[in-house]
Structure formats: C-alpha cells, structure tokens
All heavy atoms as atom14 arrays in JSON, in Angstrom:
{
  "sequence": "LKEGCPFANRCENVKKECLSSFPEITRISENHEFSCHNPVTGSGDP",
  "atom14_mask": [
    [1, 1, 1, 1, 1, 1, 1, 1, 0, 0, 0, 0, 0, 0],
    [1, 1, 1, 1, 1, 1, 1, 1, 1, 0, 0, 0, 0, 0],
    [1, 1, 1, 1, 1, 1, 1, 1, 1, 0, 0, 0, 0, 0],
    [1, 1, 1, 1, 0, 0, 0, 0, 0, 0, 0, 0, 0, 0],
    [1, 1, 1, 1, 1, 1, 0, 0, 0, 0, 0, 0, 0, 0],
    [1, 1, 1, 1, 1, 1, 1, 0, 0, 0, 0, 0, 0, 0],
    [1, 1, 1, 1, 1, 1, 1, 1, 1, 1, 1, 0, 0, 0],
    [1, 1, 1, 1, 1, 0, 0, 0, 0, 0, 0, 0, 0, 0],
    [1, 1, 1, 1, 1, 1, 1, 1, 0, 0, 0, 0, 0, 0],
    [1, 1, 1, 1, 1, 1, 1, 1, 1, 1, 1, 0, 0, 0],
    [1, 1, 1, 1, 1, 1, 0, 0, 0, 0, 0, 0, 0, 0],
    [1, 1, 1, 1, 1, 1, 1, 1, 1, 0, 0, 0, 0, 0],
    [1, 1, 1, 1, 1, 1, 1, 1, 0, 0, 0, 0, 0, 0],
    [1, 1, 1, 1, 1, 1, 1, 0, 0, 0, 0, 0, 0, 0],
    [1, 1, 1, 1, 1, 1, 1, 1, 1, 0, 0, 0, 0, 0],
    [1, 1, 1, 1, 1, 1, 1, 1, 1, 0, 0, 0, 0, 0],
    [1, 1, 1, 1, 1, 1, 1, 1, 1, 0, 0, 0, 0, 0],
    [1, 1, 1, 1, 1, 1, 0, 0, 0, 0, 0, 0, 0, 0],
    [1, 1, 1, 1, 1, 1, 1, 1, 0, 0, 0, 0, 0, 0],
    [1, 1, 1, 1, 1, 1, 0, 0, 0, 0, 0, 0, 0, 0],
    [1, 1, 1, 1, 1, 1, 0, 0, 0, 0, 0, 0, 0, 0],
    [1, 1, 1, 1, 1, 1, 1, 1, 1, 1, 1, 0, 0, 0],
    [1, 1, 1, 1, 1, 1, 1, 0, 0, 0, 0, 0, 0, 0],
    [1, 1, 1, 1, 1, 1, 1, 1, 1, 0, 0, 0, 0, 0],
    [1, 1, 1, 1, 1, 1, 1, 1, 0, 0, 0, 0, 0, 0],
    [1, 1, 1, 1, 1, 1, 1, 0, 0, 0, 0, 0, 0, 0],
    [1, 1, 1, 1, 1, 1, 1, 1, 1, 1, 1, 0, 0, 0],
    [1, 1, 1, 1, 1, 1, 1, 1, 0, 0, 0, 0, 0, 0],
    [1, 1, 1, 1, 1, 1, 0, 0, 0, 0, 0, 0, 0, 0],
    [1, 1, 1, 1, 1, 1, 1, 1, 1, 0, 0, 0, 0, 0],
    [1, 1, 1, 1, 1, 1, 1, 1, 0, 0, 0, 0, 0, 0],
    [1, 1, 1, 1, 1, 1, 1, 1, 1, 1, 0, 0, 0, 0],
    [1, 1, 1, 1, 1, 1, 1, 1, 1, 0, 0, 0, 0, 0],
    [1, 1, 1, 1, 1, 1, 1, 1, 1, 1, 1, 0, 0, 0],
    [1, 1, 1, 1, 1, 1, 0, 0, 0, 0, 0, 0, 0, 0],
    [1, 1, 1, 1, 1, 1, 0, 0, 0, 0, 0, 0, 0, 0],
    [1, 1, 1, 1, 1, 1, 1, 1, 1, 1, 0, 0, 0, 0],
    [1, 1, 1, 1, 1, 1, 1, 1, 0, 0, 0, 0, 0, 0],
    [1, 1, 1, 1, 1, 1, 1, 0, 0, 0, 0, 0, 0, 0],
    [1, 1, 1, 1, 1, 1, 1, 0, 0, 0, 0, 0, 0, 0],
    [1, 1, 1, 1, 1, 1, 1, 0, 0, 0, 0, 0, 0, 0],
    [1, 1, 1, 1, 0, 0, 0, 0, 0, 0, 0, 0, 0, 0],
    [1, 1, 1, 1, 1, 1, 0, 0, 0, 0, 0, 0, 0, 0],
    [1, 1, 1, 1, 0, 0, 0, 0, 0, 0, 0, 0, 0, 0],
    [1, 1, 1, 1, 1, 1, 1, 1, 0, 0, 0, 0, 0, 0],
    [1, 1, 1, 1, 1, 1, 1, 0, 0, 0, 0, 0, 0, 0]
  ],
  "atom14_positions": [
    [[-8.74, -36.25, -104.95], [-7.96, -35.8, -103.8], [-8.24, -36.69, -102.59], [-9.38, -36.94, -102.24], [-8.31, -34.35, -103.48], [-7.3, -33.55, -102.66], [-5.96, -33.46, -103.38], [-7.83, -32.15, -102.41], [0.0, 0.0, 0.0], [0.0, 0.0, 0.0], [0.0, 0.0, 0.0], [0.0, 0.0, 0.0], [0.0, 0.0, 0.0], [0.0, 0.0, 0.0]],
    [[-7.16, -37.16, -101.96], [-7.29, -38.07, -100.83], [-7.14, -37.3, -99.52], [-6.93, -36.1, -99.49], [-6.25, -39.18, -100.94], [-6.39, -40.03, -102.19], [-5.3, -41.09, -102.27], [-5.43, -41.92, -103.54], [-4.36, -42.94, -103.65], [0.0, 0.0, 0.0], [0.0, 0.0, 0.0], [0.0, 0.0, 0.0], [0.0, 0.0, 0.0], [0.0, 0.0, 0.0]],
    [[-7.25, -38.06, -98.41], [-7.02, -37.46, -97.11], [-5.57, -37.0, -97.0], [-4.69, -37.47, -97.7], [-7.33, -38.47, -96.01], [-8.8, -38.9, -95.95], [-9.72, -37.75, -95.59], [-9.31, -36.9, -94.77], [-10.85, -37.71, -96.12], [0.0, 0.0, 0.0], [0.0, 0.0, 0.0], [0.0, 0.0, 0.0], [0.0, 0.0, 0.0], [0.0, 0.0, 0.0]],
    [[-5.34, -36.08, -96.1], [-3.98, -35.61, -95.92], [-3.76, -34.26, -96.56], [-4.68, -33.62, -97.07], [0.0, 0.0, 0.0], [0.0, 0.0, 0.0], [0.0, 0.0, 0.0], [0.0, 0.0, 0.0], [0.0, 0.0, 0.0], [0.0, 0.0, 0.0], [0.0, 0.0, 0.0], [0.0, 0.0, 0.0], [0.0, 0.0, 0.0], [0.0, 0.0, 0.0]],
    [[-2.52, -33.8, -96.55], [-2.18, -32.51, -97.14], [-2.12, -32.63, -98.65], [-1.4, -33.48, -99.18], [-0.82, -32.05, -96.59], [-0.24, -30.51, -97.35], [0.0, 0.0, 0.0], [0.0, 0.0, 0.0], [0.0, 0.0, 0.0], [0.0, 0.0, 0.0], [0.0, 0.0, 0.0], [0.0, 0.0, 0.0], [0.0, 0.0, 0.0], [0.0, 0.0, 0.0]],
    [[-2.85, -31.79, -99.39], [-2.86, -31.9, -100.85], [-1.52, -31.56, -101.49], [-1.29, -31.9, -102.65], [-3.95, -30.9, -101.27], [-4.05, -29.94, -100.14], [-3.75, -30.72, -98.9], [0.0, 0.0, 0.0], [0.0, 0.0, 0.0], [0.0, 0.0, 0.0], [0.0, 0.0, 0.0], [0.0, 0.0, 0.0], [0.0, 0.0, 0.0], [0.0, 0.0, 0.0]],
    [[-0.63, -30.9, -100.75], [0.68, -30.55, -101.3], [1.71, -31.66, -101.07], [2.85, -31.55, -101.53], [1.17, -29.24, -100.65], [2.39, -28.65, -101.31], [2.37, -28.21, -102.62], [3.58, -28.53, -100.6], [3.49, -27.68, -103.23], [4.71, -27.98, -101.19], [4.67, -27.56, -102.51], [0.0, 0.0, 0.0], [0.0, 0.0, 0.0], [0.0, 0.0, 0.0]],
    [[1.32, -32.74, -100.41], [2.28, -33.78, -100.01], [3.04, -34.37, -101.19], [4.23, -34.67, -101.08], [1.56, -34.88, -99.24], [0.0, 0.0, 0.0], [0.0, 0.0, 0.0], [0.0, 0.0, 0.0], [0.0, 0.0, 0.0], [0.0, 0.0, 0.0], [0.0, 0.0, 0.0], [0.0, 0.0, 0.0], [0.0, 0.0, 0.0], [0.0, 0.0, 0.0]],
    [[2.37, -34.53, -102.35], [3.04, -35.17, -103.48], [4.08, -34.28, -104.15], [4.85, -34.74, -105.0], [2.0, -35.6, -104.53], [1.31, -34.43, -105.19], [1.04, -33.43, -104.53], [1.03, -34.53, -106.48], [0.0, 0.0, 0.0], [0.0, 0.0, 0.0], [0.0, 0.0, 0.0], [0.0, 0.0, 0.0], [0.0, 0.0, 0.0], [0.0, 0.0, 0.0]],
    [[4.16, -32.99, -103.75], [5.13, -32.07, -104.34], [6.11, -31.53, -103.3], [7.0, -30.75, -103.64], [4.4, -30.89, -104.99], [3.36, -31.28, -106.0], [2.57, -30.07, -106.49], [3.34, -29.24, -107.37], [2.9, -28.08, -107.89], [1.69, -27.65, -107.57], [3.66, -27.36, -108.68], [0.0, 0.0, 0.0], [0.0, 0.0, 0.0], [0.0, 0.0, 0.0]],
    [[5.94, -31.94, -102.06], [6.67, -31.31, -100.96], [7.98, -32.04, -100.66], [8.01, -33.27, -100.54], [5.79, -31.29, -99.71], [6.54, -30.46, -98.3], [0.0, 0.0, 0.0], [0.0, 0.0, 0.0], [0.0, 0.0, 0.0], [0.0, 0.0, 0.0], [0.0, 0.0, 0.0], [0.0, 0.0, 0.0], [0.0, 0.0, 0.0], [0.0, 0.0, 0.0]],
    [[9.06, -31.29, -100.49], [10.37, -31.86, -100.16], [10.45, -32.24, -98.68], [11.33, -33.01, -98.29], [11.48, -30.86, -100.5], [11.58, -30.52, -101.98], [12.66, -29.5, -102.27], [13.27, -29.0, -101.29], [12.9, -29.21, -103.46], [0.0, 0.0, 0.0], [0.0, 0.0, 0.0], [0.0, 0.0, 0.0], [0.0, 0.0, 0.0], [0.0, 0.0, 0.0]],
    [[9.53, -31.7, -97.86], [9.58, -31.95, -96.42], [8.49, -32.92, -95.96], [8.12, -32.94, -94.79], [9.44, -30.64, -95.65], [10.51, -29.64, -96.01], [11.62, -30.02, -96.34], [10.16, -28.36, -95.95], [0.0, 0.0, 0.0], [0.0, 0.0, 0.0], [0.0, 0.0, 0.0], [0.0, 0.0, 0.0], [0.0, 0.0, 0.0], [0.0, 0.0, 0.0]],
    [[7.96, -33.73, -96.88], [6.82, -34.59, -96.57], [7.18, -35.61, -95.48], [8.28, -36.17, -95.45], [6.3, -35.3, -97.85], [7.35, -36.24, -98.41], [4.99, -36.01, -97.57], [0.0, 0.0, 0.0], [0.0, 0.0, 0.0], [0.0, 0.0, 0.0], [0.0, 0.0, 0.0], [0.0, 0.0, 0.0], [0.0, 0.0, 0.0], [0.0, 0.0, 0.0]],
    [[6.23, -35.83, -94.57], [6.37, -36.83, -93.5], [5.16, -37.75, -93.55], [4.19, -37.5, -94.29], [6.45, -36.12, -92.14], [7.67, -35.2, -92.01], [7.57, -34.32, -90.77], [7.74, -35.1, -89.5], [7.78, -34.2, -88.31], [0.0, 0.0, 0.0], [0.0, 0.0, 0.0], [0.0, 0.0, 0.0], [0.0, 0.0, 0.0], [0.0, 0.0, 0.0]],
    [[5.2, -38.82, -92.77], [4.15, -39.82, -92.8], [2.78, -39.22, -92.51], [1.79, -39.53, -93.19], [4.47, -40.94, -91.81], [3.48, -42.1, -91.86], [3.9, -43.19, -90.89], [2.92, -44.36, -90.95], [3.31, -45.45, -90.01], [0.0, 0.0, 0.0], [0.0, 0.0, 0.0], [0.0, 0.0, 0.0], [0.0, 0.0, 0.0], [0.0, 0.0, 0.0]],
    [[2.7, -38.34, -91.52], [1.4, -37.78, -91.14], [0.83, -36.86, -92.22], [-0.37, -36.62, -92.27], [1.49, -37.04, -89.82], [2.49, -35.89, -89.79], [3.81, -36.31, -89.17], [4.23, -37.45, -89.44], [4.39, -35.5, -88.41], [0.0, 0.0, 0.0], [0.0, 0.0, 0.0], [0.0, 0.0, 0.0], [0.0, 0.0, 0.0], [0.0, 0.0, 0.0]],
    [[1.69, -36.35, -93.11], [1.22, -35.5, -94.19], [0.29, -36.25, -95.14], [-0.57, -35.65, -95.8], [2.4, -34.93, -94.98], [3.59, -33.99, -94.0], [0.0, 0.0, 0.0], [0.0, 0.0, 0.0], [0.0, 0.0, 0.0], [0.0, 0.0, 0.0], [0.0, 0.0, 0.0], [0.0, 0.0, 0.0], [0.0, 0.0, 0.0], [0.0, 0.0, 0.0]],
    [[0.47, -37.57, -95.23], [-0.3, -38.4, -96.16], [-1.63, -38.84, -95.58], [-2.51, -39.29, -96.31], [0.51, -39.62, -96.57], [1.88, -39.34, -97.19], [2.63, -40.65, -97.42], [1.73, -38.57, -98.5], [0.0, 0.0, 0.0], [0.0, 0.0, 0.0], [0.0, 0.0, 0.0], [0.0, 0.0, 0.0], [0.0, 0.0, 0.0], [0.0, 0.0, 0.0]],
    [[-1.8, -38.69, -94.27], [-2.99, -39.25, -93.63], [-3.96, -38.21, -93.06], [-5.14, -38.49, -92.89], [-2.57, -40.2, -92.5], [-1.78, -39.52, -91.54], [0.0, 0.0, 0.0], [0.0, 0.0, 0.0], [0.0, 0.0, 0.0], [0.0, 0.0, 0.0], [0.0, 0.0, 0.0], [0.0, 0.0, 0.0], [0.0, 0.0, 0.0], [0.0, 0.0, 0.0]],
    [[-3.48, -36.99, -92.76], [-4.37, -36.0, -92.15], [-4.0, -34.59, -92.6], [-2.81, -34.27, -92.77], [-4.31, -36.08, -90.62], [-3.02, -35.74, -90.16], [0.0, 0.0, 0.0], [0.0, 0.0, 0.0], [0.0, 0.0, 0.0], [0.0, 0.0, 0.0], [0.0, 0.0, 0.0], [0.0, 0.0, 0.0], [0.0, 0.0, 0.0], [0.0, 0.0, 0.0]],
    [[-5.03, -33.75, -92.77], [-4.77, -32.36, -93.1], [-4.34, -31.64, -91.84], [-4.97, -31.78, -90.79], [-6.01, -31.69, -93.69], [-5.73, -30.31, -94.24], [-5.22, -30.15, -95.52], [-5.95, -29.17, -93.46], [-4.95, -28.89, -96.02], [-5.67, -27.91, -93.94], [-5.17, -27.77, -95.24], [0.0, 0.0, 0.0], [0.0, 0.0, 0.0], [0.0, 0.0, 0.0]],
    [[-3.25, -30.88, -91.89], [-2.72, -30.24, -90.67], [-3.66, -29.19, -90.11], [-4.33, -28.48, -90.85], [-1.4, -29.63, -91.13], [-1.55, -29.45, -92.61], [-2.42, -30.59, -93.07], [0.0, 0.0, 0.0], [0.0, 0.0, 0.0], [0.0, 0.0, 0.0], [0.0, 0.0, 0.0], [0.0, 0.0, 0.0], [0.0, 0.0, 0.0], [0.0, 0.0, 0.0]],
    [[-3.7, -29.09, -88.79], [-4.47, -28.04, -88.14], [-3.78, -26.69, -88.33], [-2.62, -26.61, -88.72], [-4.61, -28.33, -86.64], [-5.4, -29.57, -86.33], [-5.62, -29.73, -84.84], [-5.9, -28.7, -84.17], [-5.5, -30.85, -84.33], [0.0, 0.0, 0.0], [0.0, 0.0, 0.0], [0.0, 0.0, 0.0], [0.0, 0.0, 0.0], [0.0, 0.0, 0.0]],
    [[-4.53, -25.63, -88.05], [-3.98, -24.28, -88.16], [-3.04, -24.02, -86.99], [-3.38, -24.26, -85.83], [-5.1, -23.23, -88.17], [-5.99, -23.4, -89.41], [-4.5, -21.82, -88.14], [-7.21, -22.52, -89.39], [0.0, 0.0, 0.0], [0.0, 0.0, 0.0], [0.0, 0.0, 0.0], [0.0, 0.0, 0.0], [0.0, 0.0, 0.0], [0.0, 0.0, 0.0]],
    [[-1.86, -23.55, -87.31], [-0.9, -23.13, -86.29], [-0.74, -21.61, -86.39], [-0.46, -21.1, -87.48], [0.47, -23.79, -86.49], [0.32, -25.2, -86.4], [1.46, -23.32, -85.43], [0.0, 0.0, 0.0], [0.0, 0.0, 0.0], [0.0, 0.0, 0.0], [0.0, 0.0, 0.0], [0.0, 0.0, 0.0], [0.0, 0.0, 0.0], [0.0, 0.0, 0.0]],
    [[-0.94, -20.92, -85.3], [-0.81, -19.47, -85.3], [0.45, -19.09, -84.54], [0.6, -19.41, -83.37], [-2.04, -18.82, -84.65], [-2.0, -17.31, -84.63], [-3.33, -16.73, -84.17], [-4.35, -16.94, -85.18], [-5.66, -16.9, -84.91], [-6.08, -16.72, -83.7], [-6.53, -17.08, -85.89], [0.0, 0.0, 0.0], [0.0, 0.0, 0.0], [0.0, 0.0, 0.0]],
    [[1.39, -18.43, -85.23], [2.65, -18.06, -84.59], [2.67, -16.6, -84.17], [3.59, -16.17, -83.47], [3.85, -18.38, -85.51], [3.72, -17.66, -86.86], [4.0, -19.87, -85.71], [4.92, -17.87, -87.77], [0.0, 0.0, 0.0], [0.0, 0.0, 0.0], [0.0, 0.0, 0.0], [0.0, 0.0, 0.0], [0.0, 0.0, 0.0], [0.0, 0.0, 0.0]],
    [[1.69, -15.83, -84.62], [1.51, -14.46, -84.16], [0.08, -14.06, -84.47], [-0.67, -14.82, -85.1], [2.5, -13.5, -84.85], [2.15, -13.31, -86.21], [0.0, 0.0, 0.0], [0.0, 0.0, 0.0], [0.0, 0.0, 0.0], [0.0, 0.0, 0.0], [0.0, 0.0, 0.0], [0.0, 0.0, 0.0], [0.0, 0.0, 0.0], [0.0, 0.0, 0.0]],
    [[-0.29, -12.88, -84.04], [-1.66, -12.42, -84.28], [-1.98, -12.35, -85.77], [-3.13, -12.53, -86.18], [-1.87, -11.04, -83.64], [-3.29, -10.53, -83.73], [-3.47, -9.19, -83.06], [-2.54, -8.75, -82.36], [-4.53, -8.57, -83.25], [0.0, 0.0, 0.0], [0.0, 0.0, 0.0], [0.0, 0.0, 0.0], [0.0, 0.0, 0.0], [0.0, 0.0, 0.0]],
    [[-0.95, -12.11, -86.6], [-1.18, -11.9, -88.04], [-0.54, -12.97, -88.91], [-0.42, -12.77, -90.11], [-0.63, -10.53, -88.45], [-1.36, -9.38, -87.78], [-2.6, -9.36, -87.76], [-0.63, -8.45, -87.2], [0.0, 0.0, 0.0], [0.0, 0.0, 0.0], [0.0, 0.0, 0.0], [0.0, 0.0, 0.0], [0.0, 0.0, 0.0], [0.0, 0.0, 0.0]],
    [[-0.11, -14.09, -88.33], [0.56, -15.1, -89.14], [0.12, -16.49, -88.71], [0.29, -16.88, -87.56], [2.09, -14.98, -89.02], [2.85, -15.75, -90.05], [4.22, -15.66, -90.19], [2.45, -16.63, -91.01], [4.62, -16.43, -91.17], [3.56, -17.04, -91.68], [0.0, 0.0, 0.0], [0.0, 0.0, 0.0], [0.0, 0.0, 0.0], [0.0, 0.0, 0.0]],
    [[-0.47, -17.25, -89.64], [-0.9, -18.61, -89.38], [-0.66, -19.47, -90.61], [-0.58, -18.97, -91.73], [-2.37, -18.66, -88.98], [-3.32, -18.19, -90.06], [-4.77, -18.16, -89.61], [-5.02, -17.81, -88.44], [-5.65, -18.46, -90.44], [0.0, 0.0, 0.0], [0.0, 0.0, 0.0], [0.0, 0.0, 0.0], [0.0, 0.0, 0.0], [0.0, 0.0, 0.0]],
    [[-0.53, -20.78, -90.39], [-0.29, -21.7, -91.51], [-0.82, -23.08, -91.13], [-1.09, -23.36, -89.95], [1.2, -21.77, -91.86], [2.07, -22.27, -90.75], [2.32, -23.63, -90.59], [2.63, -21.39, -89.84], [3.12, -24.1, -89.56], [3.43, -21.85, -88.8], [3.68, -23.21, -88.65], [0.0, 0.0, 0.0], [0.0, 0.0, 0.0], [0.0, 0.0, 0.0]],
    [[-0.96, -23.95, -92.14], [-1.38, -25.33, -91.91], [-0.35, -26.25, -92.53], [-0.32, -26.44, -93.76], [-2.76, -25.57, -92.55], [-3.75, -24.77, -91.93], [0.0, 0.0, 0.0], [0.0, 0.0, 0.0], [0.0, 0.0, 0.0], [0.0, 0.0, 0.0], [0.0, 0.0, 0.0], [0.0, 0.0, 0.0], [0.0, 0.0, 0.0], [0.0, 0.0, 0.0]],
    [[0.54, -26.79, -91.7], [1.61, -27.67, -92.19], [2.13, -28.52, -91.04], [2.37, -28.01, -89.94], [2.75, -26.85, -92.79], [4.08, -27.84, -93.51], [0.0, 0.0, 0.0], [0.0, 0.0, 0.0], [0.0, 0.0, 0.0], [0.0, 0.0, 0.0], [0.0, 0.0, 0.0], [0.0, 0.0, 0.0], [0.0, 0.0, 0.0], [0.0, 0.0, 0.0]],
    [[2.3, -29.84, -91.3], [2.85, -30.73, -90.29], [4.35, -30.51, -90.1], [4.89, -30.75, -89.02], [2.63, -32.2, -90.7], [1.21, -32.65, -90.59], [0.51, -32.63, -89.41], [0.35, -33.13, -91.54], [-0.72, -33.1, -89.62], [-0.83, -33.4, -90.9], [0.0, 0.0, 0.0], [0.0, 0.0, 0.0], [0.0, 0.0, 0.0], [0.0, 0.0, 0.0]],
    [[5.03, -30.07, -91.16], [6.49, -29.94, -91.11], [6.91, -28.62, -91.75], [7.45, -28.59, -92.85], [7.12, -31.12, -91.87], [8.61, -31.2, -91.63], [9.12, -30.76, -90.61], [9.33, -31.77, -92.6], [0.0, 0.0, 0.0], [0.0, 0.0, 0.0], [0.0, 0.0, 0.0], [0.0, 0.0, 0.0], [0.0, 0.0, 0.0], [0.0, 0.0, 0.0]],
    [[6.64, -27.48, -91.07], [6.88, -26.17, -91.66], [8.36, -25.9, -91.86], [9.22, -26.57, -91.29], [6.28, -25.22, -90.65], [6.33, -25.96, -89.34], [6.09, -27.39, -89.7], [0.0, 0.0, 0.0], [0.0, 0.0, 0.0], [0.0, 0.0, 0.0], [0.0, 0.0, 0.0], [0.0, 0.0, 0.0], [0.0, 0.0, 0.0], [0.0, 0.0, 0.0]],
    [[8.64, -24.9, -92.68], [10.0, -24.5, -92.97], [10.29, -23.16, -92.29], [9.39, -22.44, -91.87], [10.24, -24.35, -94.49], [10.05, -25.68, -95.2], [9.3, -23.29, -95.08], [0.0, 0.0, 0.0], [0.0, 0.0, 0.0], [0.0, 0.0, 0.0], [0.0, 0.0, 0.0], [0.0, 0.0, 0.0], [0.0, 0.0, 0.0], [0.0, 0.0, 0.0]],
    [[11.56, -22.84, -92.19], [11.95, -21.51, -91.74], [12.03, -20.62, -92.97], [11.88, -21.08, -94.11], [13.31, -21.56, -91.04], [14.32, -21.94, -92.0], [13.3, -22.55, -89.89], [0.0, 0.0, 0.0], [0.0, 0.0, 0.0], [0.0, 0.0, 0.0], [0.0, 0.0, 0.0], [0.0, 0.0, 0.0], [0.0, 0.0, 0.0], [0.0, 0.0, 0.0]],
    [[12.32, -19.34, -92.75], [12.45, -18.44, -93.89], [13.55, -18.83, -94.85], [13.53, -18.48, -96.02], [0.0, 0.0, 0.0], [0.0, 0.0, 0.0], [0.0, 0.0, 0.0], [0.0, 0.0, 0.0], [0.0, 0.0, 0.0], [0.0, 0.0, 0.0], [0.0, 0.0, 0.0], [0.0, 0.0, 0.0], [0.0, 0.0, 0.0], [0.0, 0.0, 0.0]],
    [[14.54, -19.58, -94.37], [15.64, -20.0, -95.23], [15.32, -21.25, -96.01], [16.09, -21.68, -96.87], [16.89, -20.27, -94.39], [16.64, -21.3, -93.44], [0.0, 0.0, 0.0], [0.0, 0.0, 0.0], [0.0, 0.0, 0.0], [0.0, 0.0, 0.0], [0.0, 0.0, 0.0], [0.0, 0.0, 0.0], [0.0, 0.0, 0.0], [0.0, 0.0, 0.0]],
    [[14.16, -21.87, -95.71], [13.76, -23.05, -96.45], [14.15, -24.36, -95.79], [13.97, -25.43, -96.36], [0.0, 0.0, 0.0], [0.0, 0.0, 0.0], [0.0, 0.0, 0.0], [0.0, 0.0, 0.0], [0.0, 0.0, 0.0], [0.0, 0.0, 0.0], [0.0, 0.0, 0.0], [0.0, 0.0, 0.0], [0.0, 0.0, 0.0], [0.0, 0.0, 0.0]],
    [[14.67, -24.32, -94.56], [15.07, -25.54, -93.86], [13.93, -26.01, -92.96], [13.22, -25.2, -92.37], [16.3, -25.28, -92.99], [17.49, -24.84, -93.81], [17.64, -25.4, -94.91], [18.25, -23.96, -93.37], [0.0, 0.0, 0.0], [0.0, 0.0, 0.0], [0.0, 0.0, 0.0], [0.0, 0.0, 0.0], [0.0, 0.0, 0.0], [0.0, 0.0, 0.0]],
    [[13.73, -27.33, -92.82], [12.68, -27.82, -91.92], [12.95, -27.35, -90.5], [14.07, -27.21, -90.09], [12.83, -29.35, -92.02], [13.51, -29.59, -93.31], [14.43, -28.41, -93.52], [0.0, 0.0, 0.0], [0.0, 0.0, 0.0], [0.0, 0.0, 0.0], [0.0, 0.0, 0.0], [0.0, 0.0, 0.0], [0.0, 0.0, 0.0], [0.0, 0.0, 0.0]]
  ]
}
C-alpha cells in the first residue's frame, strides 16, 4: 500500500491529490464524518 487514498485505484471520482495524500477527516455534522478528497452526494455525483 502506497501513500494516498487506498480506494483510489477503484474510485470513479479519483483526482491527482488522491494518489499522493490520505484525506483529512471532514465533519459535516455532529454525527457524520468522512475522509475523501472528492466526496459524492447521495445521488452519487461528485
């Protein structure tokens, strides 16, 4: 496993930074957090 997001090789939304660094935690509410450089909406769109 290399640096970057481990899901990058399977991700349809991969970007350059996904290959070089693991994303920090983003908290969008008190009970919801994720780690992704290019998150999706509930419909699956970037």
